[in-house]
Amino acid sequence: MGGELRITLKKSAIGRDKYFSKVLCGLGLRRLNQTVTRRDCPEIRGMINKISHMVVVEE
């Protein structure tokens, strides 16, 4: 760990539980196909695991 992750939102949060929207907001994802770069740490990995069906992650 210690590198960086590129996280891209591929599926919308519309119609899903508020929980998913809050996780996306915590990662800084707002729009479809938006990509953010975050450091690779257990906290970010945990957030990605919760919404893995909505995002694409590149290391």
Protein backbone atom coordinates (compact mmCIF):
# COMPACT_ATOMS: atom_id res chain seq x y z
CA MET A 1 0.00 0.00 0.00
CA GLY A 2 1.00 3.60 -0.19
CA GLY A 3 0.48 4.14 -3.93
CA GLU A 4 -2.41 5.91 -5.57
CA LEU A 5 -5.74 4.68 -6.91
CA ARG A 6 -7.74 6.15 -9.78
CA ILE A 7 -11.44 5.70 -9.05
CA THR A 8 -14.03 6.27 -11.79
CA LEU A 9 -17.79 6.36 -11.17
CA LYS A 10 -19.54 4.17 -13.75
CA LYS A 11 -23.05 3.69 -12.30
CA SER A 12 -25.39 6.30 -10.89
CA ALA A 13 -26.49 6.50 -7.27
CA ILE A 14 -30.03 7.45 -8.32
CA GLY A 15 -32.56 5.02 -6.88
CA ARG A 16 -30.10 3.50 -4.41
CA ASP A 17 -29.92 3.81 -0.64
CA LYS A 18 -28.60 7.10 0.78
CA TYR A 19 -25.68 5.14 2.17
CA PHE A 20 -24.18 4.72 -1.31
CA SER A 21 -24.51 8.44 -2.03
CA LYS A 22 -22.70 9.26 1.19
CA VAL A 23 -19.84 6.89 0.38
CA LEU A 24 -19.52 8.41 -3.10
CA CYS A 25 -19.49 11.89 -1.60
CA GLY A 26 -16.79 10.81 0.84
CA LEU A 27 -14.64 9.69 -2.08
CA GLY A 28 -15.32 12.96 -3.92
CA LEU A 29 -17.32 11.43 -6.76
CA ARG A 30 -20.24 13.53 -7.99
CA ARG A 31 -20.83 12.82 -11.69
CA LEU A 32 -20.80 9.77 -13.95
CA ASN A 33 -17.42 9.05 -15.54
CA GLN A 34 -15.72 11.39 -13.09
CA THR A 35 -12.28 10.17 -12.01
CA VAL A 36 -10.57 11.01 -8.74
CA THR A 37 -7.15 10.05 -7.44
CA ARG A 38 -6.92 8.87 -3.84
CA ARG A 39 -4.09 7.38 -1.83
CA ASP A 40 -4.12 3.63 -1.36
CA CYS A 41 -4.96 3.04 2.31
CA PRO A 42 -7.29 0.68 4.21
CA GLU A 43 -9.93 3.39 4.72
CA ILE A 44 -10.25 4.13 1.01
CA ARG A 45 -10.16 0.41 0.15
CA GLY A 46 -13.06 -0.16 2.56
CA MET A 47 -15.11 2.57 0.89
CA ILE A 48 -14.36 1.10 -2.53
CA ASN A 49 -15.43 -2.36 -1.35
CA LYS A 50 -18.84 -0.98 -0.34
CA ILE A 51 -19.49 0.48 -3.79
CA SER A 52 -17.39 -1.85 -5.96
CA HIS A 53 -20.39 -2.52 -8.22
CA MET A 54 -20.57 1.20 -9.13
CA VAL A 55 -16.92 2.10 -9.71
CA VAL A 56 -13.84 1.06 -11.70
CA VAL A 57 -10.50 1.17 -9.88
CA GLU A 58 -7.09 1.43 -11.53
CA GLU A 59 -3.90 1.08 -9.53
